[in-house]
């Protein structure tokens, strides 16, 4: 019997669903009475974090150029490239501990001596963490490897007791994870991000604003160029928020100041909006107008093919399996969207994803042994030139 297909999202769902069900009655009684007051604004998408314009934009809406003109940013990037140079994009998806797959790929890519400097790097959820290291280059490969192969999941995530769930903000204590992110994103690392942004390269990380139901896309390099402790904290909060599975992990409050008033936005996992993205839906014509040869790499940190697993007819297992299926199908749709866009514009498209040849039998899907095997799998597939495909499996004839 094939027991594959359990990704980190599914595993965390399984770990928390039973407690979720048991705690529901208590939570409904207590409600939000113990939560801090908030001050959200319907038009907060027009406000500037850190009171600095040009730090973010939105997936579904064109905001005035004084806030952020992403079309202009991409045009500048293209103008600064030699006519013979390729423009290389790479997009990293969500997938929890499956980010070890991306870490293996990048380490192997470096070792081949053929790894390019990516011009546009995007990340969602665990892909947000990977994208920071990918953007900074091969010098950070060891740090990326250590993150996914030497840190036990229990050192970062611990389930709350039943009493802590009542009136709480999440089912999992993520303080270990948050400390690790804040330790990794040092002031020195922020300076390196700013230097790469100065070269015209883009690092874009997505979160989901729950108040407005919109996907925020953050220009991390531009934030790094602000160069203040508040900018460093904002980058840390964005990476943490992008990885925050709603309900399981606490959402992140992003503070905003506008006309002397203090507001906030509640942000969670970018994967709630999209599992992987290239650039905003509304601005694809900006890339299409360039004469530069363009290459698009997509790394899906998870399975795209359906995986058989006999499911018991219980509330927790049915719920977990349904949600993991929903996430997989969403991932397929997002990959297909990028593929069709690439195909229409005759851009080279390369996709990597976890395939049926990955052997996870006998491994706990959130354990270190699993992550190390997945890192080795990604490394081996890249080293042996068996990694990339030129279309999603759903598009194969």
Protein backbone atom coordinates (compact mmCIF):
# COMPACT_ATOMS: atom_id res chain seq x y z
CA UNK A 1 0.00 0.00 0.00
CA UNK A 2 1.41 3.37 -1.00
CA UNK A 3 1.50 5.74 1.95
CA UNK A 4 3.12 8.64 0.12
CA UNK A 5 1.76 12.12 -0.29
CA UNK A 6 1.90 13.37 3.27
CA UNK A 7 3.36 16.88 3.07
CA UNK A 8 4.05 19.15 5.99
CA UNK A 9 0.72 20.95 5.75
CA UNK A 10 -1.12 17.64 5.95
CA UNK A 11 1.05 16.47 8.85
CA UNK A 12 0.48 19.62 10.87
CA UNK A 13 -3.21 19.35 10.15
CA UNK A 14 -3.19 15.78 11.47
CA UNK A 15 -1.27 16.86 14.57
CA UNK A 16 -3.70 19.64 15.39
CA UNK A 17 -7.10 18.51 14.05
CA UNK A 18 -8.04 16.26 16.99
CA UNK A 19 -7.23 19.01 19.48
CA UNK A 20 -9.09 21.48 17.30
CA UNK A 21 -12.26 19.42 17.46
CA UNK A 22 -12.00 18.84 21.21
CA UNK A 23 -11.42 22.52 21.89
CA UNK A 24 -14.13 23.93 19.60
CA UNK A 25 -16.85 24.07 22.23
CA UNK A 26 -14.59 25.92 24.65
CA UNK A 27 -13.41 28.31 21.98
CA UNK A 28 -16.95 29.11 20.90
CA UNK A 29 -17.87 29.93 24.49
CA UNK A 30 -14.83 32.07 25.17
CA UNK A 31 -14.78 33.71 21.75
CA UNK A 32 -12.40 36.61 21.27
CA UNK A 33 -12.84 38.18 24.70
CA UNK A 34 -9.20 37.68 25.69
CA UNK A 35 -7.68 38.93 22.44
CA UNK A 36 -6.11 42.39 22.18
CA UNK A 37 -8.04 45.15 20.49
CA UNK A 38 -7.16 45.94 16.90
CA UNK A 39 -7.51 48.92 14.60
CA UNK A 40 -7.87 47.66 11.03
CA UNK A 41 -8.69 49.96 8.11
CA UNK A 42 -10.52 48.96 4.94
CA UNK A 43 -8.20 51.08 2.79
CA UNK A 44 -4.97 50.00 4.50
CA UNK A 45 -3.72 48.74 1.12
CA UNK A 46 -3.02 52.39 0.33
CA UNK A 47 -0.93 52.88 3.47
CA UNK A 48 2.82 52.52 3.64
CA UNK A 49 4.50 50.20 6.15
CA UNK A 50 7.33 52.01 7.99
CA UNK A 51 5.75 55.16 6.47
CA UNK A 52 7.94 54.55 3.42
CA UNK A 53 6.31 54.28 -0.03
CA UNK A 54 7.25 51.52 -2.44
CA UNK A 55 7.69 48.52 -0.13
CA UNK A 56 4.82 46.35 -1.36
CA UNK A 57 2.04 45.91 -3.86
CA UNK A 58 -1.03 43.73 -4.24
CA UNK A 59 -1.77 40.73 -6.41
CA UNK A 60 -5.32 41.64 -7.38
CA UNK A 61 -5.19 45.40 -7.59
CA UNK A 62 -3.11 48.08 -9.26
CA UNK A 63 -2.25 50.68 -6.63
CA UNK A 64 -1.10 54.18 -7.54
CA UNK A 65 2.49 54.48 -8.74
CA UNK A 66 3.45 56.63 -5.73
CA UNK A 67 2.88 53.53 -3.60
CA UNK A 68 4.67 50.98 -5.78
CA UNK A 69 5.10 50.78 -9.54
CA UNK A 70 6.20 47.17 -10.03
CA UNK A 71 5.97 47.53 -13.81
CA UNK A 72 8.58 50.26 -13.62
CA UNK A 73 10.80 48.11 -11.38
CA UNK A 74 10.76 45.25 -13.87
CA UNK A 75 11.30 47.63 -16.78
CA UNK A 76 14.38 49.02 -15.02
CA UNK A 77 15.67 45.50 -14.41
CA UNK A 78 15.28 44.65 -18.10
CA UNK A 79 16.89 47.89 -19.26
CA UNK A 80 19.96 47.19 -17.13
CA UNK A 81 20.48 43.76 -18.69
CA UNK A 82 22.64 43.28 -21.73
CA UNK A 83 20.62 42.41 -24.82
CA UNK A 84 22.25 38.98 -24.94
CA UNK A 85 21.59 38.23 -21.26
CA UNK A 86 18.75 36.01 -20.19
CA UNK A 87 16.29 37.21 -17.57
CA UNK A 88 15.97 34.35 -15.09
CA UNK A 89 13.02 33.95 -12.72
CA UNK A 90 12.68 31.34 -10.00
CA UNK A 91 9.58 30.75 -7.88
CA UNK A 92 9.56 28.65 -4.70
CA UNK A 93 6.27 27.24 -3.45
CA UNK A 94 4.99 26.41 -0.01
CA UNK A 95 5.28 22.94 1.47
CA UNK A 96 6.51 23.13 5.07
CA UNK A 97 9.42 20.80 5.79
CA UNK A 98 9.37 19.88 2.10
CA UNK A 99 11.45 23.02 1.66
CA UNK A 100 14.34 20.57 2.14
CA UNK A 101 13.71 19.62 -1.51
CA UNK A 102 14.54 23.18 -2.63
CA UNK A 103 17.57 23.28 -0.35
CA UNK A 104 18.95 20.12 -1.97
CA UNK A 105 18.36 21.51 -5.45
CA UNK A 106 20.15 24.79 -4.76
CA UNK A 107 23.14 23.10 -3.12
CA UNK A 108 23.51 20.71 -6.06
CA UNK A 109 23.06 23.53 -8.56
CA UNK A 110 25.97 25.37 -6.96
CA UNK A 111 28.13 22.25 -7.03
CA UNK A 112 27.56 21.83 -10.76
CA UNK A 113 29.15 25.25 -11.29
CA UNK A 114 26.20 26.28 -13.48
CA UNK A 115 23.92 28.04 -11.02
CA UNK A 116 22.86 31.44 -12.37
CA UNK A 117 22.18 34.69 -10.54
CA UNK A 118 18.40 34.81 -10.45
CA UNK A 119 16.97 38.17 -11.50
CA UNK A 120 13.56 37.72 -9.87
CA UNK A 121 13.09 35.38 -6.89
CA UNK A 122 9.65 34.77 -5.38
CA UNK A 123 8.62 32.76 -2.34
CA UNK A 124 5.53 31.63 -0.48
CA UNK A 125 5.39 29.96 2.94
CA UNK A 126 8.45 27.70 3.32
CA UNK A 127 9.45 29.05 -0.09
CA UNK A 128 9.76 32.47 1.53
CA UNK A 129 12.58 31.14 3.71
CA UNK A 130 14.25 29.42 0.76
CA UNK A 131 13.90 32.49 -1.43
CA UNK A 132 15.93 34.69 0.91
CA UNK A 133 18.92 32.34 0.72
CA UNK A 134 18.46 31.73 -3.02
CA UNK A 135 18.44 35.47 -3.66
CA UNK A 136 21.66 36.02 -1.71
CA UNK A 137 23.48 33.31 -3.65
CA UNK A 138 25.64 30.26 -3.18
CA UNK A 139 27.50 31.62 -0.16
CA UNK A 140 24.37 30.89 1.86
CA UNK A 141 23.92 27.27 0.73
CA UNK A 142 25.33 25.84 3.95
CA UNK A 143 22.98 27.96 6.08
CA UNK A 144 20.04 26.80 3.98
CA UNK A 145 21.07 23.16 4.26
CA UNK A 146 21.47 23.39 8.03
CA UNK A 147 18.02 24.96 8.39
CA UNK A 148 16.31 22.00 6.73
CA UNK A 149 18.54 19.11 7.79
CA UNK A 150 19.73 19.87 11.32
CA UNK A 151 16.79 21.53 13.06
CA UNK A 152 14.20 19.17 14.53
CA UNK A 153 10.59 20.20 13.99
CA UNK A 154 9.89 19.90 17.74
CA UNK A 155 12.54 22.56 18.37
CA UNK A 156 10.47 25.05 16.36
CA UNK A 157 6.85 23.99 16.84
CA UNK A 158 5.15 22.70 19.99
CA UNK A 159 1.45 22.00 20.45
CA UNK A 160 -0.29 24.10 23.08
CA UNK A 161 -2.02 22.43 25.98
CA UNK A 162 -5.81 22.35 25.97
CA UNK A 163 -5.90 25.15 28.53
CA UNK A 164 -3.67 27.38 26.39
CA UNK A 165 -6.04 26.87 23.45
CA UNK A 166 -8.92 28.59 25.23
CA UNK A 167 -8.90 32.20 24.09
CA UNK A 168 -5.57 31.70 22.34
CA UNK A 169 -4.46 32.68 18.86
CA UNK A 170 -3.13 29.35 17.56
CA UNK A 171 -2.87 25.63 18.21
CA UNK A 172 0.91 25.57 17.94
CA UNK A 173 3.59 27.43 19.88
CA UNK A 174 5.90 28.75 17.14
CA UNK A 175 8.29 30.69 19.36
CA UNK A 176 11.18 28.38 18.44
CA UNK A 177 10.55 28.98 14.73
CA UNK A 178 10.26 32.73 15.24
CA UNK A 179 13.53 32.85 17.16
CA UNK A 180 15.24 30.91 14.37
CA UNK A 181 13.97 33.32 11.70
CA UNK A 182 14.99 36.37 13.71
CA UNK A 183 18.44 34.88 14.40
CA UNK A 184 18.90 34.18 10.68
CA UNK A 185 17.79 37.60 9.42
CA UNK A 186 20.54 39.64 11.01
CA UNK A 187 21.38 43.25 10.33
CA UNK A 188 24.34 42.06 8.24
CA UNK A 189 22.08 39.83 6.17
CA UNK A 190 19.71 42.76 5.66
CA UNK A 191 22.63 44.81 4.34
CA UNK A 192 23.40 42.03 1.85
CA UNK A 193 19.75 42.03 0.72
CA UNK A 194 19.97 45.79 0.16
CA UNK A 195 23.14 45.40 -1.92
CA UNK A 196 21.49 42.85 -4.20
CA UNK A 197 18.47 45.13 -4.60
CA UNK A 198 20.84 47.92 -5.61
CA UNK A 199 21.89 45.70 -8.53
CA UNK A 200 18.27 45.72 -9.72
CA UNK A 201 17.41 42.17 -8.68
CA UNK A 202 14.03 41.52 -7.03
CA UNK A 203 13.10 39.34 -4.06
CA UNK A 204 9.32 39.14 -3.67
CA UNK A 205 7.62 37.34 -0.77
CA UNK A 206 3.85 36.94 -0.45
CA UNK A 207 1.62 37.00 2.60
CA UNK A 208 -2.17 36.98 2.87
CA UNK A 209 -3.94 39.92 4.50
CA UNK A 210 -6.91 38.30 6.24
CA UNK A 211 -8.71 41.61 6.79
CA UNK A 212 -8.92 42.41 3.07
CA UNK A 213 -8.59 38.84 1.69
CA UNK A 214 -5.78 40.07 -0.57
CA UNK A 215 -2.30 38.77 -1.27
CA UNK A 216 0.39 41.26 -0.35
CA UNK A 217 3.66 41.03 -2.31
CA UNK A 218 6.60 42.53 -0.45
CA UNK A 219 9.76 43.88 -2.10
CA UNK A 220 12.17 42.54 0.52
CA UNK A 221 15.24 44.18 -1.01
CA UNK A 222 13.55 47.58 -1.00
CA UNK A 223 12.61 47.13 2.67
CA UNK A 224 16.23 46.17 3.40
CA UNK A 225 17.37 49.41 1.78
CA UNK A 226 15.47 51.35 4.46
CA UNK A 227 18.20 49.99 6.72
CA UNK A 228 16.62 50.56 10.13
CA UNK A 229 15.94 48.13 13.00
CA UNK A 230 12.24 48.51 12.17
CA UNK A 231 12.93 47.43 8.59
CA UNK A 232 14.82 44.39 9.84
CA UNK A 233 11.91 43.49 12.13
CA UNK A 234 9.45 43.92 9.24
CA UNK A 235 11.42 41.52 7.03
CA UNK A 236 11.46 39.01 9.88
CA UNK A 237 7.70 39.44 10.41
CA UNK A 238 6.99 38.97 6.69
CA UNK A 239 8.94 35.69 6.52
CA UNK A 240 7.21 34.48 9.70
CA UNK A 241 3.78 35.57 8.44
CA UNK A 242 4.28 33.94 5.05
CA UNK A 243 4.92 30.64 6.83
CA UNK A 244 2.02 30.94 9.30
CA UNK A 245 -0.56 28.24 8.62
CA UNK A 246 -3.87 29.86 9.68
CA UNK A 247 -5.17 28.55 12.99
CA UNK A 248 -2.25 26.21 13.56
CA UNK A 249 0.26 29.10 13.74
CA UNK A 250 -0.41 32.58 15.15
CA UNK A 251 -1.10 35.29 12.59
CA UNK A 252 1.24 38.29 12.47
CA UNK A 253 0.12 41.85 13.05
CA UNK A 254 1.80 44.31 10.70
CA UNK A 255 1.65 47.86 12.17
CA UNK A 256 0.86 50.85 9.97
CA UNK A 257 0.90 54.59 10.61
CA UNK A 258 -1.20 56.97 8.54
CA UNK A 259 -1.96 60.66 9.10
CA UNK A 260 -1.05 60.40 12.77
CA UNK A 261 -3.16 57.31 13.40
CA UNK A 262 -1.94 53.81 14.20
CA UNK A 263 -3.47 50.86 12.33
CA UNK A 264 -2.61 47.22 11.81
CA UNK A 265 -3.15 44.37 9.34
CA UNK A 266 -3.42 40.66 10.15
CA UNK A 267 -1.23 38.54 7.85
CA UNK A 268 -0.87 34.78 7.45
CA UNK A 269 0.59 32.21 5.05
CA UNK A 270 0.88 33.44 1.47
CA UNK A 271 -0.17 29.94 0.45
CA UNK A 272 -3.72 30.79 1.45
CA UNK A 273 -3.78 32.99 -1.65
CA UNK A 274 -1.45 31.08 -3.96
CA UNK A 275 0.91 28.17 -3.51
CA UNK A 276 3.44 29.68 -5.91
CA UNK A 277 3.55 32.90 -7.93
CA UNK A 278 5.68 34.59 -10.55
CA UNK A 279 4.47 38.20 -10.61
CA UNK A 280 1.05 39.82 -10.01
CA UNK A 281 -1.78 38.59 -12.18
CA UNK A 282 -2.54 42.05 -13.53
CA UNK A 283 0.90 42.96 -14.89
CA UNK A 284 2.08 40.09 -17.05
CA UNK A 285 2.09 42.32 -20.11
CA UNK A 286 5.14 44.09 -18.66
CA UNK A 287 7.29 41.00 -19.11
CA UNK A 288 5.75 40.20 -22.47
CA UNK A 289 6.93 43.49 -23.99
CA UNK A 290 10.62 42.68 -23.48
CA UNK A 291 12.89 41.37 -26.23
CA UNK A 292 15.10 39.61 -23.70
CA UNK A 293 15.15 35.84 -23.64
CA UNK A 294 13.46 34.79 -20.42
CA UNK A 295 13.65 31.59 -18.42
CA UNK A 296 11.23 30.62 -15.68
CA UNK A 297 11.98 28.01 -13.02
CA UNK A 298 9.27 26.80 -10.65
CA UNK A 299 10.04 24.61 -7.64
CA UNK A 300 6.97 22.95 -6.14
CA UNK A 301 7.89 21.69 -2.68
CA UNK A 302 5.38 18.87 -2.78
CA UNK A 303 3.66 16.30 -4.95
CA UNK A 304 1.65 17.30 -8.01
CA UNK A 305 0.51 13.78 -8.88
CA UNK A 306 -2.26 12.23 -6.76
CA UNK A 307 -1.06 9.84 -4.05
CA UNK A 308 -3.04 6.86 -2.77
CA UNK A 309 -3.51 6.58 0.99
CA UNK A 310 -6.35 4.62 2.59
CA UNK A 311 -8.29 7.12 4.72
CA UNK A 312 -10.25 6.15 7.79
CA UNK A 313 -13.76 7.57 7.98
CA UNK A 314 -13.21 9.81 11.01
CA UNK A 315 -13.62 13.56 11.38
CA UNK A 316 -9.92 14.21 11.83
CA UNK A 317 -8.61 11.99 9.01
CA UNK A 318 -11.29 13.06 6.52
CA UNK A 319 -10.67 16.73 7.35
CA UNK A 320 -6.89 16.39 7.07
CA UNK A 321 -7.05 14.48 3.78
CA UNK A 322 -9.56 16.91 2.29
CA UNK A 323 -7.43 19.93 3.16
CA UNK A 324 -4.22 18.33 1.87
CA UNK A 325 -6.05 17.47 -1.38
CA UNK A 326 -7.28 21.05 -1.64
CA UNK A 327 -3.72 22.36 -1.18
CA UNK A 328 -2.36 19.98 -3.81
CA UNK A 329 -5.04 20.96 -6.32
CA UNK A 330 -4.41 24.65 -5.64
CA UNK A 331 -0.70 24.05 -6.24
CA UNK A 332 -1.45 22.37 -9.57
CA UNK A 333 -3.59 25.31 -10.69
CA UNK A 334 -0.93 27.86 -9.73
CA UNK A 335 1.80 25.94 -11.57
CA UNK A 336 -0.44 25.55 -14.61
CA UNK A 337 -1.10 29.31 -14.62
CA UNK A 338 2.63 30.07 -14.81
CA UNK A 339 3.11 27.37 -17.44
CA UNK A 340 0.39 28.76 -19.72
CA UNK A 341 1.76 32.27 -19.34
CA UNK A 342 5.26 31.03 -20.25
CA UNK A 343 3.92 29.06 -23.20
CA UNK A 344 1.98 32.01 -24.63
CA UNK A 345 5.06 34.22 -24.53
CA UNK A 346 7.54 31.55 -25.63
CA UNK A 347 9.50 31.76 -22.36
CA UNK A 348 11.47 28.69 -21.37
CA UNK A 349 9.63 26.89 -18.55
CA UNK A 350 11.25 24.43 -16.14
CA UNK A 351 9.42 22.71 -13.29
CA UNK A 352 10.72 20.66 -10.38
CA UNK A 353 8.44 18.77 -8.01
CA UNK A 354 8.52 15.74 -5.75
CA UNK A 355 7.74 12.70 -7.86
CA UNK A 356 6.71 9.11 -7.23
CA UNK A 357 10.34 7.98 -7.15
CA UNK A 358 10.87 9.65 -3.75
CA UNK A 359 10.89 6.91 -1.11
CA UNK A 360 9.51 8.18 2.18
CA UNK A 361 8.37 4.79 3.49
CA UNK A 362 9.01 4.31 7.18
CA UNK A 363 9.79 7.97 7.84
CA UNK A 364 7.90 10.40 10.05
CA UNK A 365 6.95 13.16 7.57
CA UNK A 366 8.02 15.94 9.94
CA UNK A 367 11.18 14.27 11.22
CA UNK A 368 14.82 15.07 10.55
CA UNK A 369 15.37 11.75 8.78
CA UNK A 370 12.59 12.66 6.33
CA UNK A 371 14.02 16.11 5.69
CA UNK A 372 17.53 14.75 5.16
CA UNK A 373 16.27 12.14 2.71
CA UNK A 374 14.29 14.77 0.83
CA UNK A 375 17.33 17.08 0.73
CA UNK A 376 19.39 14.21 -0.71
CA UNK A 377 16.60 13.46 -3.20
CA UNK A 378 16.56 17.04 -4.52
CA UNK A 379 20.35 17.14 -4.59
CA UNK A 380 20.61 13.83 -6.49
CA UNK A 381 17.90 14.71 -9.03
CA UNK A 382 19.64 17.99 -9.86
CA UNK A 383 23.13 16.44 -9.94
CA UNK A 384 21.98 13.66 -12.27
CA UNK A 385 20.10 16.07 -14.58
CA UNK A 386 16.79 14.35 -13.84
CA UNK A 387 15.12 17.28 -12.12
CA UNK A 388 13.44 19.62 -14.57
CA UNK A 389 10.41 19.00 -16.74
CA UNK A 390 9.10 21.43 -19.33
CA UNK A 391 5.45 21.13 -18.36
CA UNK A 392 3.27 20.18 -15.38
CA UNK A 393 2.37 16.46 -15.18
CA UNK A 394 -1.29 17.46 -15.64
CA UNK A 395 -0.39 18.79 -19.10
CA UNK A 396 1.33 15.64 -20.34
CA UNK A 397 -0.42 13.90 -23.19
